[in-house]
Amino acid sequence: MSVAEEIERKLTEAFSPSEIEVIDESENHRGHAGYREEGESHFHVRLRAPAFADMSRISRHRAVHAALGAELVGRIHALALDLAP
């Protein structure tokens, strides 16, 4: 399973989103810190979930990181999050 698929699976299980998009942007960061030839280092996640309705922006980010878990987050160099209810 790719890292993108793992991110999507974990976030879908945790938040039952109405929309989810996980984009591997690693190639856009060639030559930058954290870039790996095999990719799967830089991601952009767009997630829409009712669970975010009463959360602040920081609470949403914390909830996503908790759902992904320390092991998975530790394998990712950069994670851009676009989160809304």
PDB file of N, CA and C in Angstrom:
ATOM      1  N   MET A   1       0.850  -1.173   0.000  1.00  0.00           N
ATOM      2  CA  MET A   1       0.000   0.000   0.000  1.00  0.00           C
ATOM      3  C   MET A   1       0.901   1.243   0.000  1.00  0.00           C
ATOM      4  N   SER A   2       0.605   2.179  -0.861  1.00  0.00           N
ATOM      5  CA  SER A   2       1.385   3.413  -0.916  1.00  0.00           C
ATOM      6  C   SER A   2       1.074   4.280   0.306  1.00  0.00           C
ATOM      7  N   VAL A   3       1.944   5.241   0.559  1.00  0.00           N
ATOM      8  CA  VAL A   3       1.721   6.165   1.671  1.00  0.00           C
ATOM      9  C   VAL A   3       0.434   6.952   1.439  1.00  0.00           C
ATOM     10  N   ALA A   4       0.197   7.399   0.207  1.00  0.00           N
ATOM     11  CA  ALA A   4      -1.037   8.140  -0.106  1.00  0.00           C
ATOM     12  C   ALA A   4      -2.273   7.300   0.199  1.00  0.00           C
ATOM     13  N   GLU A   5      -2.228   6.027  -0.167  1.00  0.00           N
ATOM     14  CA  GLU A   5      -3.364   5.134   0.111  1.00  0.00           C
ATOM     15  C   GLU A   5      -3.542   4.936   1.607  1.00  0.00           C
ATOM     16  N   GLU A   6      -2.441   4.833   2.318  1.00  0.00           N
ATOM     17  CA  GLU A   6      -2.508   4.663   3.774  1.00  0.00           C
ATOM     18  C   GLU A   6      -3.103   5.908   4.439  1.00  0.00           C
ATOM     19  N   ILE A   7      -2.687   7.092   3.978  1.00  0.00           N
ATOM     20  CA  ILE A   7      -3.241   8.340   4.498  1.00  0.00           C
ATOM     21  C   ILE A   7      -4.745   8.381   4.246  1.00  0.00           C
ATOM     22  N   GLU A   8      -5.155   8.087   3.029  1.00  0.00           N
ATOM     23  CA  GLU A   8      -6.578   8.128   2.686  1.00  0.00           C
ATOM     24  C   GLU A   8      -7.381   7.130   3.512  1.00  0.00           C
ATOM     25  N   ARG A   9      -6.870   5.929   3.676  1.00  0.00           N
ATOM     26  CA  ARG A   9      -7.579   4.898   4.448  1.00  0.00           C
ATOM     27  C   ARG A   9      -7.764   5.335   5.901  1.00  0.00           C
ATOM     28  N   LYS A  10      -6.684   5.806   6.517  1.00  0.00           N
ATOM     29  CA  LYS A  10      -6.764   6.194   7.932  1.00  0.00           C
ATOM     30  C   LYS A  10      -7.697   7.379   8.141  1.00  0.00           C
ATOM     31  N   LEU A  11      -7.634   8.364   7.254  1.00  0.00           N
ATOM     32  CA  LEU A  11      -8.493   9.540   7.413  1.00  0.00           C
ATOM     33  C   LEU A  11      -9.948   9.226   7.112  1.00  0.00           C
ATOM     34  N   THR A  12     -10.189   8.337   6.183  1.00  0.00           N
ATOM     35  CA  THR A  12     -11.564   7.920   5.881  1.00  0.00           C
ATOM     36  C   THR A  12     -12.158   7.181   7.078  1.00  0.00           C
ATOM     37  N   GLU A  13     -11.376   6.286   7.673  1.00  0.00           N
ATOM     38  CA  GLU A  13     -11.846   5.555   8.857  1.00  0.00           C
ATOM     39  C   GLU A  13     -12.114   6.488  10.029  1.00  0.00           C
ATOM     40  N   ALA A  14     -11.273   7.486  10.207  1.00  0.00           N
ATOM     41  CA  ALA A  14     -11.386   8.372  11.371  1.00  0.00           C
ATOM     42  C   ALA A  14     -12.481   9.419  11.232  1.00  0.00           C
ATOM     43  N   PHE A  15     -12.706   9.922   9.997  1.00  0.00           N
ATOM     44  CA  PHE A  15     -13.582  11.089   9.847  1.00  0.00           C
ATOM     45  C   PHE A  15     -14.791  10.894   8.933  1.00  0.00           C
ATOM     46  N   SER A  16     -14.916   9.780   8.238  1.00  0.00           N
ATOM     47  CA  SER A  16     -16.025   9.560   7.291  1.00  0.00           C
ATOM     48  C   SER A  16     -16.273  10.821   6.458  1.00  0.00           C
ATOM     49  N   PRO A  17     -15.260  11.257   5.725  1.00  0.00           N
ATOM     50  CA  PRO A  17     -15.367  12.539   5.023  1.00  0.00           C
ATOM     51  C   PRO A  17     -16.363  12.537   3.871  1.00  0.00           C
ATOM     52  N   SER A  18     -16.896  13.715   3.582  1.00  0.00           N
ATOM     53  CA  SER A  18     -17.745  13.878   2.395  1.00  0.00           C
ATOM     54  C   SER A  18     -16.857  14.043   1.161  1.00  0.00           C
ATOM     55  N   GLU A  19     -15.636  14.522   1.362  1.00  0.00           N
ATOM     56  CA  GLU A  19     -14.649  14.653   0.294  1.00  0.00           C
ATOM     57  C   GLU A  19     -13.271  14.370   0.863  1.00  0.00           C
ATOM     58  N   ILE A  20     -12.456  13.670   0.077  1.00  0.00           N
ATOM     59  CA  ILE A  20     -11.053  13.476   0.464  1.00  0.00           C
ATOM     60  C   ILE A  20     -10.219  13.382  -0.800  1.00  0.00           C
ATOM     61  N   GLU A  21      -9.095  14.060  -0.774  1.00  0.00           N
ATOM     62  CA  GLU A  21      -8.149  14.029  -1.880  1.00  0.00           C
ATOM     63  C   GLU A  21      -6.750  14.050  -1.273  1.00  0.00           C
ATOM     64  N   VAL A  22      -5.946  13.070  -1.621  1.00  0.00           N
ATOM     65  CA  VAL A  22      -4.572  12.983  -1.145  1.00  0.00           C
ATOM     66  C   VAL A  22      -3.670  13.047  -2.370  1.00  0.00           C
ATOM     67  N   ILE A  23      -2.845  14.085  -2.439  1.00  0.00           N
ATOM     68  CA  ILE A  23      -1.992  14.307  -3.596  1.00  0.00           C
ATOM     69  C   ILE A  23      -0.529  14.183  -3.177  1.00  0.00           C
ATOM     70  N   ASP A  24       0.204  13.324  -3.867  1.00  0.00           N
ATOM     71  CA  ASP A  24       1.638  13.183  -3.641  1.00  0.00           C
ATOM     72  C   ASP A  24       2.331  14.286  -4.444  1.00  0.00           C
ATOM     73  N   GLU A  25       2.840  15.298  -3.757  1.00  0.00           N
ATOM     74  CA  GLU A  25       3.500  16.430  -4.401  1.00  0.00           C
ATOM     75  C   GLU A  25       5.020  16.317  -4.329  1.00  0.00           C
ATOM     76  N   SER A  26       5.525  15.125  -4.055  1.00  0.00           N
ATOM     77  CA  SER A  26       6.954  14.927  -3.835  1.00  0.00           C
ATOM     78  C   SER A  26       7.798  15.418  -4.995  1.00  0.00           C
ATOM     79  N   GLU A  27       7.384  15.140  -6.206  1.00  0.00           N
ATOM     80  CA  GLU A  27       8.184  15.522  -7.376  1.00  0.00           C
ATOM     81  C   GLU A  27       8.346  17.042  -7.472  1.00  0.00           C
ATOM     82  N   ASN A  28       7.396  17.792  -6.971  1.00  0.00           N
ATOM     83  CA  ASN A  28       7.498  19.256  -6.981  1.00  0.00           C
ATOM     84  C   ASN A  28       8.610  19.761  -6.064  1.00  0.00           C
ATOM     85  N   HIS A  29       9.141  18.890  -5.216  1.00  0.00           N
ATOM     86  CA  HIS A  29      10.135  19.277  -4.223  1.00  0.00           C
ATOM     87  C   HIS A  29      11.517  18.680  -4.504  1.00  0.00           C
ATOM     88  N   ARG A  30      11.717  18.212  -5.732  1.00  0.00           N
ATOM     89  CA  ARG A  30      13.013  17.652  -6.121  1.00  0.00           C
ATOM     90  C   ARG A  30      14.105  18.683  -5.814  1.00  0.00           C
ATOM     91  N   GLY A  31      15.147  18.235  -5.124  1.00  0.00           N
ATOM     92  CA  GLY A  31      16.255  19.121  -4.775  1.00  0.00           C
ATOM     93  C   GLY A  31      16.072  19.855  -3.459  1.00  0.00           C
ATOM     94  N   HIS A  32      14.898  19.755  -2.854  1.00  0.00           N
ATOM     95  CA  HIS A  32      14.644  20.417  -1.572  1.00  0.00           C
ATOM     96  C   HIS A  32      14.847  19.439  -0.426  1.00  0.00           C
ATOM     97  N   ALA A  33      14.890  19.963   0.759  1.00  0.00           N
ATOM     98  CA  ALA A  33      15.051  19.136   1.952  1.00  0.00           C
ATOM     99  C   ALA A  33      13.933  18.109   2.045  1.00  0.00           C
ATOM    100  N   GLY A  34      14.294  16.910   2.416  1.00  0.00           N
ATOM    101  CA  GLY A  34      13.306  15.861   2.621  1.00  0.00           C
ATOM    102  C   GLY A  34      12.898  15.116   1.376  1.00  0.00           C
ATOM    103  N   TYR A  35      13.309  15.574   0.193  1.00  0.00           N
ATOM    104  CA  TYR A  35      12.947  14.887  -1.047  1.00  0.00           C
ATOM    105  C   TYR A  35      13.637  13.525  -1.094  1.00  0.00           C
ATOM    106  N   ARG A  36      12.903  12.521  -1.545  1.00  0.00           N
ATOM    107  CA  ARG A  36      13.452  11.180  -1.739  1.00  0.00           C
ATOM    108  C   ARG A  36      13.174  10.750  -3.175  1.00  0.00           C
ATOM    109  N   GLU A  37      14.113  10.103  -3.803  1.00  0.00           N
ATOM    110  CA  GLU A  37      13.957   9.643  -5.187  1.00  0.00           C
ATOM    111  C   GLU A  37      12.697   8.797  -5.367  1.00  0.00           C
ATOM    112  N   GLU A  38      12.378   7.981  -4.390  1.00  0.00           N
ATOM    113  CA  GLU A  38      11.203   7.105  -4.500  1.00  0.00           C
ATOM    114  C   GLU A  38       9.885   7.856  -4.279  1.00  0.00           C
ATOM    115  N   GLY A  39       9.976   9.134  -3.932  1.00  0.00           N
ATOM    116  CA  GLY A  39       8.768   9.929  -3.716  1.00  0.00           C
ATOM    117  C   GLY A  39       8.151   9.664  -2.361  1.00  0.00           C
ATOM    118  N   GLU A  40       6.863   9.909  -2.263  1.00  0.00           N
ATOM    119  CA  GLU A  40       6.095   9.689  -1.043  1.00  0.00           C
ATOM    120  C   GLU A  40       6.682  10.410   0.171  1.00  0.00           C
ATOM    121  N   SER A  41       7.072  11.669  -0.032  1.00  0.00           N
ATOM    122  CA  SER A  41       7.642  12.452   1.062  1.00  0.00           C
ATOM    123  C   SER A  41       6.857  13.737   1.333  1.00  0.00           C
ATOM    124  N   HIS A  42       6.178  14.266   0.320  1.00  0.00           N
ATOM    125  CA  HIS A  42       5.443  15.524   0.435  1.00  0.00           C
ATOM    126  C   HIS A  42       4.000  15.306  -0.039  1.00  0.00           C
ATOM    127  N   PHE A  43       3.044  15.630   0.818  1.00  0.00           N
ATOM    128  CA  PHE A  43       1.641  15.395   0.479  1.00  0.00           C
ATOM    129  C   PHE A  43       0.787  16.630   0.741  1.00  0.00           C
ATOM    130  N   HIS A  44      -0.276  16.725  -0.038  1.00  0.00           N
ATOM    131  CA  HIS A  44      -1.313  17.735   0.169  1.00  0.00           C
ATOM    132  C   HIS A  44      -2.617  16.972   0.361  1.00  0.00           C
ATOM    133  N   VAL A  45      -3.307  17.234   1.460  1.00  0.00           N
ATOM    134  CA  VAL A  45      -4.568  16.560   1.768  1.00  0.00           C
ATOM    135  C   VAL A  45      -5.685  17.593   1.813  1.00  0.00           C
ATOM    136  N   ARG A  46      -6.723  17.341   1.031  1.00  0.00           N
ATOM    137  CA  ARG A  46      -7.948  18.158   1.069  1.00  0.00           C
ATOM    138  C   ARG A  46      -9.030  17.259   1.663  1.00  0.00           C
ATOM    139  N   LEU A  47      -9.591  17.666   2.786  1.00  0.00           N
ATOM    140  CA  LEU A  47     -10.527  16.821   3.519  1.00  0.00           C
ATOM    141  C   LEU A  47     -11.708  17.656   3.987  1.00  0.00           C
ATOM    142  N   ARG A  48     -12.902  17.193   3.678  1.00  0.00           N
ATOM    143  CA  ARG A  48     -14.136  17.823   4.140  1.00  0.00           C
ATOM    144  C   ARG A  48     -14.880  16.793   4.988  1.00  0.00           C
ATOM    145  N   ALA A  49     -15.113  17.136   6.252  1.00  0.00           N
ATOM    146  CA  ALA A  49     -15.757  16.197   7.161  1.00  0.00           C
ATOM    147  C   ALA A  49     -16.602  16.952   8.183  1.00  0.00           C
ATOM    148  N   PRO A  50     -17.830  16.513   8.404  1.00  0.00           N
ATOM    149  CA  PRO A  50     -18.684  17.143   9.406  1.00  0.00           C
ATOM    150  C   PRO A  50     -18.050  17.174  10.800  1.00  0.00           C
ATOM    151  N   ALA A  51     -17.180  16.226  11.090  1.00  0.00           N
ATOM    152  CA  ALA A  51     -16.528  16.169  12.407  1.00  0.00           C
ATOM    153  C   ALA A  51     -15.716  17.430  12.707  1.00  0.00           C
ATOM    154  N   PHE A  52     -15.340  18.169  11.684  1.00  0.00           N
ATOM    155  CA  PHE A  52     -14.543  19.379  11.867  1.00  0.00           C
ATOM    156  C   PHE A  52     -15.384  20.614  12.205  1.00  0.00           C
ATOM    157  N   ALA A  53     -16.688  20.502  12.179  1.00  0.00           N
ATOM    158  CA  ALA A  53     -17.576  21.662  12.319  1.00  0.00           C
ATOM    159  C   ALA A  53     -17.307  22.504  13.564  1.00  0.00           C
ATOM    160  N   ASP A  54     -17.087  21.872  14.685  1.00  0.00           N
ATOM    161  CA  ASP A  54     -16.910  22.617  15.937  1.00  0.00           C
ATOM    162  C   ASP A  54     -15.453  22.712  16.377  1.00  0.00           C
ATOM    163  N   MET A  55     -14.524  22.445  15.456  1.00  0.00           N
ATOM    164  CA  MET A  55     -13.099  22.464  15.796  1.00  0.00           C
ATOM    165  C   MET A  55     -12.422  23.706  15.238  1.00  0.00           C
ATOM    166  N   SER A  56     -11.462  24.206  15.985  1.00  0.00           N
ATOM    167  CA  SER A  56     -10.611  25.281  15.476  1.00  0.00           C
ATOM    168  C   SER A  56      -9.662  24.692  14.428  1.00  0.00           C
ATOM    169  N   ARG A  57      -9.002  25.563  13.709  1.00  0.00           N
ATOM    170  CA  ARG A  57      -8.038  25.107  12.698  1.00  0.00           C
ATOM    171  C   ARG A  57      -6.958  24.228  13.335  1.00  0.00           C
ATOM    172  N   ILE A  58      -6.437  24.649  14.463  1.00  0.00           N
ATOM    173  CA  ILE A  58      -5.386  23.883  15.139  1.00  0.00           C
ATOM    174  C   ILE A  58      -5.920  22.538  15.614  1.00  0.00           C
ATOM    175  N   SER A  59      -7.136  22.510  16.137  1.00  0.00           N
ATOM    176  CA  SER A  59      -7.740  21.248  16.584  1.00  0.00           C
ATOM    177  C   SER A  59      -7.925  20.284  15.424  1.00  0.00           C
ATOM    178  N   ARG A  60      -8.304  20.803  14.255  1.00  0.00           N
ATOM    179  CA  ARG A  60      -8.443  19.955  13.065  1.00  0.00           C
ATOM    180  C   ARG A  60      -7.112  19.329  12.692  1.00  0.00           C
ATOM    181  N   HIS A  61      -6.061  20.137  12.682  1.00  0.00           N
ATOM    182  CA  HIS A  61      -4.732  19.625  12.336  1.00  0.00           C
ATOM    183  C   HIS A  61      -4.281  18.573  13.346  1.00  0.00           C
ATOM    184  N   ARG A  62      -4.501  18.839  14.609  1.00  0.00           N
ATOM    185  CA  ARG A  62      -4.122  17.866  15.643  1.00  0.00           C
ATOM    186  C   ARG A  62      -4.899  16.558  15.483  1.00  0.00           C
ATOM    187  N   ALA A  63      -6.177  16.668  15.157  1.00  0.00           N
ATOM    188  CA  ALA A  63      -7.003  15.472  14.978  1.00  0.00           C
ATOM    189  C   ALA A  63      -6.505  14.645  13.790  1.00  0.00           C
ATOM    190  N   VAL A  64      -6.125  15.306  12.713  1.00  0.00           N
ATOM    191  CA  VAL A  64      -5.605  14.583  11.546  1.00  0.00           C
ATOM    192  C   VAL A  64      -4.292  13.889  11.896  1.00  0.00           C
ATOM    193  N   HIS A  65      -3.397  14.600  12.562  1.00  0.00           N
ATOM    194  CA  HIS A  65      -2.120  13.983  12.944  1.00  0.00           C
ATOM    195  C   HIS A  65      -2.346  12.795  13.879  1.00  0.00           C
ATOM    196  N   ALA A  66      -3.272  12.912  14.802  1.00  0.00           N
ATOM    197  CA  ALA A  66      -3.577  11.804  15.711  1.00  0.00           C
ATOM    198  C   ALA A  66      -4.138  10.615  14.944  1.00  0.00           C
ATOM    199  N   ALA A  67      -5.008  10.874  13.978  1.00  0.00           N
ATOM    200  CA  ALA A  67      -5.600   9.790  13.184  1.00  0.00           C
ATOM    201  C   ALA A  67      -4.545   9.082  12.336  1.00  0.00           C
ATOM    202  N   LEU A  68      -3.587   9.831  11.834  1.00  0.00           N
ATOM    203  CA  LEU A  68      -2.532   9.221  11.025  1.00  0.00           C
ATOM    204  C   LEU A  68      -1.562   8.425  11.886  1.00  0.00           C
ATOM    205  N   GLY A  69      -1.319   8.887  13.087  1.00  0.00           N
ATOM    206  CA  GLY A  69      -0.411   8.190  14.000  1.00  0.00           C
ATOM    207  C   GLY A  69       1.030   8.639  13.814  1.00  0.00           C
ATOM    208  N   ALA A  70       1.797   8.542  14.879  1.00  0.00           N
ATOM    209  CA  ALA A  70       3.182   9.016  14.884  1.00  0.00           C
ATOM    210  C   ALA A  70       4.051   8.284  13.875  1.00  0.00           C
ATOM    211  N   GLU A  71       3.828   6.994  13.693  1.00  0.00           N
ATOM    212  CA  GLU A  71       4.668   6.217  12.779  1.00  0.00           C
ATOM    213  C   GLU A  71       4.515   6.711  11.349  1.00  0.00           C
ATOM    214  N   LEU A  72       3.285   6.913  10.904  1.00  0.00           N
ATOM    215  CA  LEU A  72       3.051   7.379   9.539  1.00  0.00           C
ATOM    216  C   LEU A  72       3.505   8.826   9.372  1.00  0.00           C
ATOM    217  N   VAL A  73       3.169   9.685  10.312  1.00  0.00           N
ATOM    218  CA  VAL A  73       3.585  11.083  10.234  1.00  0.00           C
ATOM    219  C   VAL A  73       5.112  11.178  10.198  1.00  0.00           C
ATOM    220  N   GLY A  74       5.789  10.295  10.901  1.00  0.00           N
ATOM    221  CA  GLY A  74       7.243  10.282  10.919  1.00  0.00           C
ATOM    222  C   GLY A  74       7.869   9.922   9.581  1.00  0.00           C
ATOM    223  N   ARG A  75       7.118   9.254   8.718  1.00  0.00           N
ATOM    224  CA  ARG A  75       7.624   8.871   7.386  1.00  0.00           C
ATOM    225  C   ARG A  75       7.384   9.949   6.346  1.00  0.00           C
ATOM    226  N   ILE A  76       6.644  10.988   6.703  1.00  0.00           N
ATOM    227  CA  ILE A  76       6.292  12.051   5.763  1.00  0.00           C
ATOM    228  C   ILE A  76       7.125  13.284   6.095  1.00  0.00           C
ATOM    229  N   HIS A  77       7.742  13.888   5.081  1.00  0.00           N
ATOM    230  CA  HIS A  77       8.530  15.094   5.328  1.00  0.00           C
ATOM    231  C   HIS A  77       7.633  16.323   5.443  1.00  0.00           C
ATOM    232  N   ALA A  78       6.610  16.423   4.566  1.00  0.00           N
ATOM    233  CA  ALA A  78       5.738  17.602   4.563  1.00  0.00           C
ATOM    234  C   ALA A  78       4.297  17.167   4.323  1.00  0.00           C
ATOM    235  N   LEU A  79       3.401  17.759   5.084  1.00  0.00           N
ATOM    236  CA  LEU A  79       1.982  17.443   4.975  1.00  0.00           C
ATOM    237  C   LEU A  79       1.196  18.743   5.011  1.00  0.00           C
ATOM    238  N   ALA A  80       0.693  19.158   3.845  1.00  0.00           N
ATOM    239  CA  ALA A  80      -0.140  20.357   3.746  1.00  0.00           C
ATOM    240  C   ALA A  80      -1.592  19.939   3.918  1.00  0.00           C
ATOM    241  N   LEU A  81      -2.314  20.611   4.796  1.00  0.00           N
ATOM    242  CA  LEU A  81      -3.681  20.232   5.099  1.00  0.00           C
ATOM    243  C   LEU A  81      -4.659  21.344   4.761  1.00  0.00           C
ATOM    244  N   ASP A  82      -5.699  20.989   4.010  1.00  0.00           N
ATOM    245  CA  ASP A  82      -6.828  21.879   3.682  1.00  0.00           C
ATOM    246  C   ASP A  82      -8.048  21.195   4.266  1.00  0.00           C
ATOM    247  N   LEU A  83      -8.470  21.642   5.453  1.00  0.00           N
ATOM    248  CA  LEU A  83      -9.501  20.948   6.238  1.00  0.00           C
ATOM    249  C   LEU A  83     -10.695  21.864   6.463  1.00  0.00           C
ATOM    250  N   ALA A  84     -11.903  21.320   6.272  1.00  0.00           N
ATOM    251  CA  ALA A  84     -13.126  22.092   6.509  1.00  0.00           C
ATOM    252  C   ALA A  84     -14.274  21.131   6.781  1.00  0.00           C
ATOM    253  N   PRO A  85     -15.332  21.648   7.418  1.00  0.00           N
ATOM    254  CA  PRO A  85     -16.522  20.797   7.663  1.00  0.00           C
ATOM    255  C   PRO A  85     -17.209  20.413   6.361  1.00  0.00           C
TER     256      PRO A  85
END
